Amino acid sequence: DSSAVPLVNSASIGCEWFRYPKAGETNAKTEPRVVSFLRRQAGVGEVTTTWRPSVSMASKFGWAEYVVRAGWMPVKDWFWVAVMDREQTRMGII
């Protein structure tokens, strides 16, 4: 959710408005999701399943501000997410 992140614009990119937190301002909140698609025809897909954790990442890892990396485990259907705090002094793998 990026609704609390301030809007800024830049003439160098055509005055487009976008959300960008400056130092000390609120960052976007993230939660991992796994989405499966079924391809019906060329260029058209349909979401078949969406998985989300039963407990929010923020409730377990409130200090985590950045998702720095993610990937799939060798074990079928498991994935990992690496998170870091705002000061970039603490890192965890979930």
PDB file of N, CA and C in Angstrom:
ATOM      1  N   ASP A   1       0.844  -1.175   0.000  1.00  0.00           N
ATOM      2  CA  ASP A   1       0.000   0.000   0.000  1.00  0.00           C
ATOM      3  C   ASP A   1       0.889   1.238   0.000  1.00  0.00           C
ATOM      4  N   SER A   2       0.762   2.055  -1.017  1.00  0.00           N
ATOM      5  CA  SER A   2       1.609   3.256  -1.114  1.00  0.00           C
ATOM      6  C   SER A   2       0.814   4.531  -0.895  1.00  0.00           C
ATOM      7  N   SER A   3      -0.399   4.447  -0.378  1.00  0.00           N
ATOM      8  CA  SER A   3      -1.250   5.630  -0.243  1.00  0.00           C
ATOM      9  C   SER A   3      -0.677   6.682   0.703  1.00  0.00           C
ATOM     10  N   ALA A   4       0.166   6.308   1.660  1.00  0.00           N
ATOM     11  CA  ALA A   4       0.750   7.277   2.591  1.00  0.00           C
ATOM     12  C   ALA A   4       2.057   7.880   2.082  1.00  0.00           C
ATOM     13  N   VAL A   5       2.561   7.388   0.962  1.00  0.00           N
ATOM     14  CA  VAL A   5       3.823   7.880   0.399  1.00  0.00           C
ATOM     15  C   VAL A   5       3.537   9.175  -0.367  1.00  0.00           C
ATOM     16  N   PRO A   6       4.329  10.234  -0.117  1.00  0.00           N
ATOM     17  CA  PRO A   6       4.085  11.521  -0.766  1.00  0.00           C
ATOM     18  C   PRO A   6       4.218  11.464  -2.292  1.00  0.00           C
ATOM     19  N   LEU A   7       3.401  12.275  -2.971  1.00  0.00           N
ATOM     20  CA  LEU A   7       3.479  12.415  -4.428  1.00  0.00           C
ATOM     21  C   LEU A   7       4.494  13.483  -4.781  1.00  0.00           C
ATOM     22  N   VAL A   8       5.307  13.217  -5.799  1.00  0.00           N
ATOM     23  CA  VAL A   8       6.263  14.198  -6.323  1.00  0.00           C
ATOM     24  C   VAL A   8       6.156  14.182  -7.840  1.00  0.00           C
ATOM     25  N   ASN A   9       6.689  15.209  -8.476  1.00  0.00           N
ATOM     26  CA  ASN A   9       6.732  15.195  -9.933  1.00  0.00           C
ATOM     27  C   ASN A   9       8.090  15.691 -10.391  1.00  0.00           C
ATOM     28  N   SER A  10       8.379  15.451 -11.644  1.00  0.00           N
ATOM     29  CA  SER A  10       9.671  15.839 -12.194  1.00  0.00           C
ATOM     30  C   SER A  10       9.491  16.308 -13.626  1.00  0.00           C
ATOM     31  N   ALA A  11       9.913  17.516 -13.895  1.00  0.00           N
ATOM     32  CA  ALA A  11       9.836  18.048 -15.258  1.00  0.00           C
ATOM     33  C   ALA A  11      10.714  17.243 -16.202  1.00  0.00           C
ATOM     34  N   SER A  12      11.762  16.619 -15.662  1.00  0.00           N
ATOM     35  CA  SER A  12      12.679  15.857 -16.518  1.00  0.00           C
ATOM     36  C   SER A  12      12.035  14.603 -17.101  1.00  0.00           C
ATOM     37  N   ILE A  13      10.935  14.153 -16.508  1.00  0.00           N
ATOM     38  CA  ILE A  13      10.246  12.983 -17.052  1.00  0.00           C
ATOM     39  C   ILE A  13       8.822  13.338 -17.485  1.00  0.00           C
ATOM     40  N   GLY A  14       8.630  14.569 -17.875  1.00  0.00           N
ATOM     41  CA  GLY A  14       7.340  14.984 -18.416  1.00  0.00           C
ATOM     42  C   GLY A  14       6.304  15.351 -17.368  1.00  0.00           C
ATOM     43  N   CYS A  15       6.730  15.818 -16.219  1.00  0.00           N
ATOM     44  CA  CYS A  15       5.824  16.245 -15.143  1.00  0.00           C
ATOM     45  C   CYS A  15       4.879  15.141 -14.685  1.00  0.00           C
ATOM     46  N   GLU A  16       5.295  13.934 -14.796  1.00  0.00           N
ATOM     47  CA  GLU A  16       4.485  12.808 -14.321  1.00  0.00           C
ATOM     48  C   GLU A  16       4.539  12.761 -12.803  1.00  0.00           C
ATOM     49  N   TRP A  17       3.395  12.557 -12.169  1.00  0.00           N
ATOM     50  CA  TRP A  17       3.341  12.432 -10.715  1.00  0.00           C
ATOM     51  C   TRP A  17       3.570  10.977 -10.322  1.00  0.00           C
ATOM     52  N   PHE A  18       4.361  10.763  -9.291  1.00  0.00           N
ATOM     53  CA  PHE A  18       4.601   9.410  -8.795  1.00  0.00           C
ATOM     54  C   PHE A  18       4.894   9.486  -7.308  1.00  0.00           C
ATOM     55  N   ARG A  19       4.790   8.378  -6.629  1.00  0.00           N
ATOM     56  CA  ARG A  19       5.038   8.339  -5.182  1.00  0.00           C
ATOM     57  C   ARG A  19       6.509   8.020  -4.932  1.00  0.00           C
ATOM     58  N   TYR A  20       7.145   8.885  -4.123  1.00  0.00           N
ATOM     59  CA  TYR A  20       8.552   8.708  -3.824  1.00  0.00           C
ATOM     60  C   TYR A  20       8.829   9.239  -2.419  1.00  0.00           C
ATOM     61  N   PRO A  21       9.182   8.369  -1.481  1.00  0.00           N
ATOM     62  CA  PRO A  21       9.444   8.846  -0.119  1.00  0.00           C
ATOM     63  C   PRO A  21      10.842   9.445  -0.013  1.00  0.00           C
ATOM     64  N   LYS A  22      10.913  10.626   0.558  1.00  0.00           N
ATOM     65  CA  LYS A  22      12.212  11.234   0.856  1.00  0.00           C
ATOM     66  C   LYS A  22      12.683  10.697   2.203  1.00  0.00           C
ATOM     67  N   ALA A  23      13.913  11.007   2.562  1.00  0.00           N
ATOM     68  CA  ALA A  23      14.477  10.524   3.822  1.00  0.00           C
ATOM     69  C   ALA A  23      13.558  10.882   4.985  1.00  0.00           C
ATOM     70  N   GLY A  24      13.209   9.881   5.784  1.00  0.00           N
ATOM     71  CA  GLY A  24      12.374  10.083   6.952  1.00  0.00           C
ATOM     72  C   GLY A  24      10.878  10.036   6.694  1.00  0.00           C
ATOM     73  N   GLU A  25      10.460  10.022   5.430  1.00  0.00           N
ATOM     74  CA  GLU A  25       9.036   9.965   5.117  1.00  0.00           C
ATOM     75  C   GLU A  25       8.557   8.513   5.056  1.00  0.00           C
ATOM     76  N   THR A  26       7.263   8.335   5.023  1.00  0.00           N
ATOM     77  CA  THR A  26       6.655   7.015   5.027  1.00  0.00           C
ATOM     78  C   THR A  26       6.962   6.243   3.745  1.00  0.00           C
ATOM     79  N   ASN A  27       7.315   4.972   3.899  1.00  0.00           N
ATOM     80  CA  ASN A  27       7.514   4.076   2.759  1.00  0.00           C
ATOM     81  C   ASN A  27       6.241   3.303   2.483  1.00  0.00           C
ATOM     82  N   ALA A  28       6.166   2.705   1.317  1.00  0.00           N
ATOM     83  CA  ALA A  28       5.044   1.830   0.978  1.00  0.00           C
ATOM     84  C   ALA A  28       5.104   0.576   1.848  1.00  0.00           C
ATOM     85  N   LYS A  29       3.958   0.005   2.139  1.00  0.00           N
ATOM     86  CA  LYS A  29       3.871  -1.254   2.891  1.00  0.00           C
ATOM     87  C   LYS A  29       3.709  -2.391   1.886  1.00  0.00           C
ATOM     88  N   THR A  30       4.442  -3.474   2.095  1.00  0.00           N
ATOM     89  CA  THR A  30       4.378  -4.593   1.163  1.00  0.00           C
ATOM     90  C   THR A  30       3.998  -5.882   1.881  1.00  0.00           C
ATOM     91  N   GLU A  31       3.372  -6.752   1.161  1.00  0.00           N
ATOM     92  CA  GLU A  31       3.029  -8.091   1.628  1.00  0.00           C
ATOM     93  C   GLU A  31       3.274  -9.053   0.468  1.00  0.00           C
ATOM     94  N   PRO A  32       3.881 -10.206   0.744  1.00  0.00           N
ATOM     95  CA  PRO A  32       4.112 -11.169  -0.349  1.00  0.00           C
ATOM     96  C   PRO A  32       2.809 -11.778  -0.847  1.00  0.00           C
ATOM     97  N   ARG A  33       2.776 -12.068  -2.124  1.00  0.00           N
ATOM     98  CA  ARG A  33       1.647 -12.746  -2.762  1.00  0.00           C
ATOM     99  C   ARG A  33       2.200 -13.710  -3.799  1.00  0.00           C
ATOM    100  N   VAL A  34       1.501 -14.804  -4.029  1.00  0.00           N
ATOM    101  CA  VAL A  34       1.831 -15.710  -5.124  1.00  0.00           C
ATOM    102  C   VAL A  34       0.567 -15.813  -5.964  1.00  0.00           C
ATOM    103  N   VAL A  35       0.708 -15.510  -7.243  1.00  0.00           N
ATOM    104  CA  VAL A  35      -0.437 -15.492  -8.144  1.00  0.00           C
ATOM    105  C   VAL A  35      -0.187 -16.484  -9.271  1.00  0.00           C
ATOM    106  N   SER A  36      -1.177 -17.305  -9.561  1.00  0.00           N
ATOM    107  CA  SER A  36      -1.104 -18.248 -10.675  1.00  0.00           C
ATOM    108  C   SER A  36      -2.009 -17.761 -11.794  1.00  0.00           C
ATOM    109  N   PHE A  37      -1.529 -17.916 -13.024  1.00  0.00           N
ATOM    110  CA  PHE A  37      -2.289 -17.499 -14.196  1.00  0.00           C
ATOM    111  C   PHE A  37      -2.553 -18.690 -15.095  1.00  0.00           C
ATOM    112  N   LEU A  38      -3.685 -18.673 -15.733  1.00  0.00           N
ATOM    113  CA  LEU A  38      -4.027 -19.650 -16.744  1.00  0.00           C
ATOM    114  C   LEU A  38      -4.096 -18.893 -18.060  1.00  0.00           C
ATOM    115  N   ARG A  39      -3.303 -19.304 -19.017  1.00  0.00           N
ATOM    116  CA  ARG A  39      -3.276 -18.628 -20.309  1.00  0.00           C
ATOM    117  C   ARG A  39      -4.374 -19.204 -21.207  1.00  0.00           C
ATOM    118  N   ARG A  40      -5.334 -18.386 -21.522  1.00  0.00           N
ATOM    119  CA  ARG A  40      -6.473 -18.812 -22.344  1.00  0.00           C
ATOM    120  C   ARG A  40      -6.159 -18.703 -23.840  1.00  0.00           C
ATOM    121  N   GLN A  41      -5.540 -17.595 -24.229  1.00  0.00           N
ATOM    122  CA  GLN A  41      -5.139 -17.396 -25.619  1.00  0.00           C
ATOM    123  C   GLN A  41      -3.965 -16.432 -25.631  1.00  0.00           C
ATOM    124  N   ALA A  42      -3.366 -16.238 -26.763  1.00  0.00           N
ATOM    125  CA  ALA A  42      -2.176 -15.395 -26.865  1.00  0.00           C
ATOM    126  C   ALA A  42      -2.434 -14.020 -26.250  1.00  0.00           C
ATOM    127  N   GLY A  43      -1.637 -13.685 -25.257  1.00  0.00           N
ATOM    128  CA  GLY A  43      -1.716 -12.374 -24.635  1.00  0.00           C
ATOM    129  C   GLY A  43      -2.829 -12.183 -23.626  1.00  0.00           C
ATOM    130  N   VAL A  44      -3.673 -13.189 -23.419  1.00  0.00           N
ATOM    131  CA  VAL A  44      -4.793 -13.063 -22.484  1.00  0.00           C
ATOM    132  C   VAL A  44      -4.650 -14.123 -21.404  1.00  0.00           C
ATOM    133  N   GLY A  45      -4.653 -13.692 -20.154  1.00  0.00           N
ATOM    134  CA  GLY A  45      -4.542 -14.629 -19.048  1.00  0.00           C
ATOM    135  C   GLY A  45      -5.625 -14.398 -18.022  1.00  0.00           C
ATOM    136  N   GLU A  46      -5.817 -15.388 -17.188  1.00  0.00           N
ATOM    137  CA  GLU A  46      -6.832 -15.311 -16.146  1.00  0.00           C
ATOM    138  C   GLU A  46      -6.182 -15.734 -14.833  1.00  0.00           C
ATOM    139  N   VAL A  47      -6.394 -14.950 -13.781  1.00  0.00           N
ATOM    140  CA  VAL A  47      -5.860 -15.319 -12.465  1.00  0.00           C
ATOM    141  C   VAL A  47      -6.663 -16.502 -11.950  1.00  0.00           C
ATOM    142  N   THR A  48      -5.967 -17.588 -11.639  1.00  0.00           N
ATOM    143  CA  THR A  48      -6.652 -18.781 -11.153  1.00  0.00           C
ATOM    144  C   THR A  48      -6.582 -18.902  -9.635  1.00  0.00           C
ATOM    145  N   THR A  49      -5.467 -18.524  -9.047  1.00  0.00           N
ATOM    146  CA  THR A  49      -5.335 -18.574  -7.592  1.00  0.00           C
ATOM    147  C   THR A  49      -4.448 -17.432  -7.123  1.00  0.00           C
ATOM    148  N   THR A  50      -4.709 -16.960  -5.926  1.00  0.00           N
ATOM    149  CA  THR A  50      -3.849 -15.978  -5.278  1.00  0.00           C
ATOM    150  C   THR A  50      -3.619 -16.459  -3.861  1.00  0.00           C
ATOM    151  N   TRP A  51      -2.359 -16.586  -3.483  1.00  0.00           N
ATOM    152  CA  TRP A  51      -2.024 -17.008  -2.125  1.00  0.00           C
ATOM    153  C   TRP A  51      -1.447 -15.823  -1.375  1.00  0.00           C
ATOM    154  N   ARG A  52      -1.816 -15.699  -0.124  1.00  0.00           N
ATOM    155  CA  ARG A  52      -1.227 -14.684   0.757  1.00  0.00           C
ATOM    156  C   ARG A  52      -1.026 -15.312   2.125  1.00  0.00           C
ATOM    157  N   PRO A  53      -0.043 -14.837   2.875  1.00  0.00           N
ATOM    158  CA  PRO A  53       0.201 -15.419   4.193  1.00  0.00           C
ATOM    159  C   PRO A  53      -0.994 -15.207   5.119  1.00  0.00           C
ATOM    160  N   SER A  54      -1.180 -16.125   6.058  1.00  0.00           N
ATOM    161  CA  SER A  54      -2.291 -15.997   7.005  1.00  0.00           C
ATOM    162  C   SER A  54      -2.026 -14.918   8.045  1.00  0.00           C
ATOM    163  N   VAL A  55      -0.755 -14.573   8.253  1.00  0.00           N
ATOM    164  CA  VAL A  55      -0.362 -13.512   9.187  1.00  0.00           C
ATOM    165  C   VAL A  55       0.422 -12.468   8.392  1.00  0.00           C
ATOM    166  N   SER A  56       0.140 -11.198   8.610  1.00  0.00           N
ATOM    167  CA  SER A  56       0.825 -10.154   7.840  1.00  0.00           C
ATOM    168  C   SER A  56       2.305 -10.094   8.187  1.00  0.00           C
ATOM    169  N   MET A  57       3.100  -9.747   7.202  1.00  0.00           N
ATOM    170  CA  MET A  57       4.536  -9.604   7.393  1.00  0.00           C
ATOM    171  C   MET A  57       4.811  -8.489   8.406  1.00  0.00           C
ATOM    172  N   ALA A  58       4.036  -7.416   8.373  1.00  0.00           N
ATOM    173  CA  ALA A  58       4.230  -6.288   9.288  1.00  0.00           C
ATOM    174  C   ALA A  58       3.999  -6.684  10.735  1.00  0.00           C
ATOM    175  N   SER A  59       3.065  -7.603  10.992  1.00  0.00           N
ATOM    176  CA  SER A  59       2.803  -8.006  12.371  1.00  0.00           C
ATOM    177  C   SER A  59       3.927  -8.863  12.942  1.00  0.00           C
ATOM    178  N   LYS A  60       4.623  -9.603  12.101  1.00  0.00           N
ATOM    179  CA  LYS A  60       5.728 -10.457  12.550  1.00  0.00           C
ATOM    180  C   LYS A  60       7.084  -9.760  12.455  1.00  0.00           C
ATOM    181  N   PHE A  61       7.238  -8.901  11.451  1.00  0.00           N
ATOM    182  CA  PHE A  61       8.516  -8.233  11.197  1.00  0.00           C
ATOM    183  C   PHE A  61       8.272  -6.739  11.027  1.00  0.00           C
ATOM    184  N   GLY A  62       7.781  -6.101  12.075  1.00  0.00           N
ATOM    185  CA  GLY A  62       7.435  -4.689  12.029  1.00  0.00           C
ATOM    186  C   GLY A  62       8.596  -3.779  11.691  1.00  0.00           C
ATOM    187  N   TRP A  63       9.807  -4.237  11.939  1.00  0.00           N
ATOM    188  CA  TRP A  63      10.998  -3.438  11.656  1.00  0.00           C
ATOM    189  C   TRP A  63      11.350  -3.435  10.170  1.00  0.00           C
ATOM    190  N   ALA A  64      10.817  -4.371   9.396  1.00  0.00           N
ATOM    191  CA  ALA A  64      11.196  -4.519   7.986  1.00  0.00           C
ATOM    192  C   ALA A  64      10.533  -3.436   7.136  1.00  0.00           C
ATOM    193  N   GLU A  65      11.328  -2.689   6.398  1.00  0.00           N
ATOM    194  CA  GLU A  65      10.812  -1.634   5.516  1.00  0.00           C
ATOM    195  C   GLU A  65      11.004  -1.973   4.040  1.00  0.00           C
ATOM    196  N   TYR A  66      12.017  -2.759   3.720  1.00  0.00           N
ATOM    197  CA  TYR A  66      12.339  -3.030   2.318  1.00  0.00           C
ATOM    198  C   TYR A  66      12.356  -4.526   2.033  1.00  0.00           C
ATOM    199  N   VAL A  67      11.755  -4.921   0.929  1.00  0.00           N
ATOM    200  CA  VAL A  67      11.930  -6.279   0.405  1.00  0.00           C
ATOM    201  C   VAL A  67      13.096  -6.164  -0.567  1.00  0.00           C
ATOM    202  N   VAL A  68      14.206  -6.814  -0.249  1.00  0.00           N
ATOM    203  CA  VAL A  68      15.414  -6.651  -1.065  1.00  0.00           C
ATOM    204  C   VAL A  68      15.638  -7.785  -2.056  1.00  0.00           C
ATOM    205  N   ARG A  69      14.997  -8.908  -1.814  1.00  0.00           N
ATOM    206  CA  ARG A  69      15.164 -10.049  -2.716  1.00  0.00           C
ATOM    207  C   ARG A  69      14.114 -11.095  -2.376  1.00  0.00           C
ATOM    208  N   ALA A  70      13.780 -11.928  -3.334  1.00  0.00           N
ATOM    209  CA  ALA A  70      12.848 -13.028  -3.100  1.00  0.00           C
ATOM    210  C   ALA A  70      13.137 -14.121  -4.112  1.00  0.00           C
ATOM    211  N   GLY A  71      12.742 -15.331  -3.798  1.00  0.00           N
ATOM    212  CA  GLY A  71      12.970 -16.433  -4.725  1.00  0.00           C
ATOM    213  C   GLY A  71      12.269 -17.698  -4.277  1.00  0.00           C
ATOM    214  N   TRP A  72      12.383 -18.708  -5.109  1.00  0.00           N
ATOM    215  CA  TRP A  72      11.761 -20.004  -4.844  1.00  0.00           C
ATOM    216  C   TRP A  72      12.760 -20.943  -4.184  1.00  0.00           C
ATOM    217  N   MET A  73      12.287 -21.744  -3.235  1.00  0.00           N
ATOM    218  CA  MET A  73      13.106 -22.756  -2.561  1.00  0.00           C
ATOM    219  C   MET A  73      13.137 -24.014  -3.424  1.00  0.00           C
ATOM    220  N   PRO A  74      14.147 -24.890  -3.205  1.00  0.00           N
ATOM    221  CA  PRO A  74      14.170 -26.157  -3.938  1.00  0.00           C
ATOM    222  C   PRO A  74      12.978 -27.054  -3.576  1.00  0.00           C
ATOM    223  N   VAL A  75      12.404 -26.832  -2.387  1.00  0.00           N
ATOM    224  CA  VAL A  75      11.234 -27.582  -1.961  1.00  0.00           C
ATOM    225  C   VAL A  75      10.028 -27.050  -2.741  1.00  0.00           C
ATOM    226  N   LYS A  76       9.228 -27.939  -3.270  1.00  0.00           N
ATOM    227  CA  LYS A  76       8.084 -27.537  -4.094  1.00  0.00           C
ATOM    228  C   LYS A  76       7.158 -26.571  -3.356  1.00  0.00           C
ATOM    229  N   ASP A  77       6.786 -25.491  -4.043  1.00  0.00           N
ATOM    230  CA  ASP A  77       5.800 -24.515  -3.574  1.00  0.00           C
ATOM    231  C   ASP A  77       6.223 -23.712  -2.347  1.00  0.00           C
ATOM    232  N   TRP A  78       7.483 -23.596  -2.066  1.00  0.00           N
ATOM    233  CA  TRP A  78       7.962 -22.757  -0.973  1.00  0.00           C
ATOM    234  C   TRP A  78       8.777 -21.628  -1.570  1.00  0.00           C
ATOM    235  N   PHE A  79       8.676 -20.448  -0.965  1.00  0.00           N
ATOM    236  CA  PHE A  79       9.503 -19.333  -1.417  1.00  0.00           C
ATOM    237  C   PHE A  79      10.039 -18.578  -0.212  1.00  0.00           C
ATOM    238  N   TRP A  80      11.014 -17.739  -0.443  1.00  0.00           N
ATOM    239  CA  TRP A  80      11.626 -16.942   0.620  1.00  0.00           C
ATOM    240  C   TRP A  80      11.605 -15.479   0.219  1.00  0.00           C
ATOM    241  N   VAL A  81      11.659 -14.615   1.243  1.00  0.00           N
ATOM    242  CA  VAL A  81      11.694 -13.170   1.043  1.00  0.00           C
ATOM    243  C   VAL A  81      12.753 -12.615   1.987  1.00  0.00           C
ATOM    244  N   ALA A  82      13.685 -11.841   1.451  1.00  0.00           N
ATOM    245  CA  ALA A  82      14.698 -11.166   2.273  1.00  0.00           C
ATOM    246  C   ALA A  82      14.234  -9.733   2.509  1.00  0.00           C
ATOM    247  N   VAL A  83      14.229  -9.323   3.776  1.00  0.00           N
ATOM    248  CA  VAL A  83      13.783  -7.982   4.147  1.00  0.00           C
ATOM    249  C   VAL A  83      14.891  -7.260   4.905  1.00  0.00           C
ATOM    250  N   MET A  84      14.809  -5.924   4.901  1.00  0.00           N
ATOM    251  CA  MET A  84      15.821  -5.104   5.562  1.00  0.00           C
ATOM    252  C   MET A  84      15.144  -3.914   6.235  1.00  0.00           C
ATOM    253  N   ASP A  85      15.724  -3.444   7.342  1.00  0.00           N
ATOM    254  CA  ASP A  85      15.170  -2.269   8.013  1.00  0.00           C
ATOM    255  C   ASP A  85      15.579  -0.994   7.275  1.00  0.00           C
ATOM    256  N   ARG A  86      14.972   0.114   7.651  1.00  0.00           N
ATOM    257  CA  ARG A  86      15.205   1.374   6.961  1.00  0.00           C
ATOM    258  C   ARG A  86      16.665   1.829   7.039  1.00  0.00           C
ATOM    259  N   GLU A  87      17.302   1.577   8.183  1.00  0.00           N
ATOM    260  CA  GLU A  87      18.701   1.979   8.370  1.00  0.00           C
ATOM    261  C   GLU A  87      19.669   1.052   7.647  1.00  0.00           C
ATOM    262  N   GLN A  88      19.148  -0.056   7.136  1.00  0.00           N
ATOM    263  CA  GLN A  88      19.924  -1.078   6.432  1.00  0.00           C
ATOM    264  C   GLN A  88      21.013  -1.677   7.318  1.00  0.00           C
ATOM    265  N   THR A  89      20.625  -1.914   8.602  1.00  0.00           N
ATOM    266  CA  THR A  89      21.539  -2.531   9.553  1.00  0.00           C
ATOM    267  C   THR A  89      21.025  -3.897  10.025  1.00  0.00           C
ATOM    268  N   ARG A  90      19.796  -4.213   9.673  1.00  0.00           N
ATOM    269  CA  ARG A  90      19.182  -5.473  10.100  1.00  0.00           C
ATOM    270  C   ARG A  90      18.533  -6.133   8.890  1.00  0.00           C
ATOM    271  N   MET A  91      18.797  -7.417   8.728  1.00  0.00           N
ATOM    272  CA  MET A  91      18.243  -8.145   7.596  1.00  0.00           C
ATOM    273  C   MET A  91      17.681  -9.474   8.084  1.00  0.00           C
ATOM    274  N   GLY A  92      16.610  -9.914   7.463  1.00  0.00           N
ATOM    275  CA  GLY A  92      16.015 -11.186   7.820  1.00  0.00           C
ATOM    276  C   GLY A  92      15.535 -11.911   6.585  1.00  0.00           C
ATOM    277  N   ILE A  93      15.514 -13.235   6.672  1.00  0.00           N
ATOM    278  CA  ILE A  93      14.977 -14.050   5.583  1.00  0.00           C
ATOM    279  C   ILE A  93      13.760 -14.773   6.138  1.00  0.00           C
ATOM    280  N   ILE A  94      12.662 -14.552   5.469  1.00  0.00           N
ATOM    281  CA  ILE A  94      11.381 -15.097   5.904  1.00  0.00           C
ATOM    282  C   ILE A  94      11.040 -16.270   5.010  1.00  0.00           C
TER     283      ILE A  94
END
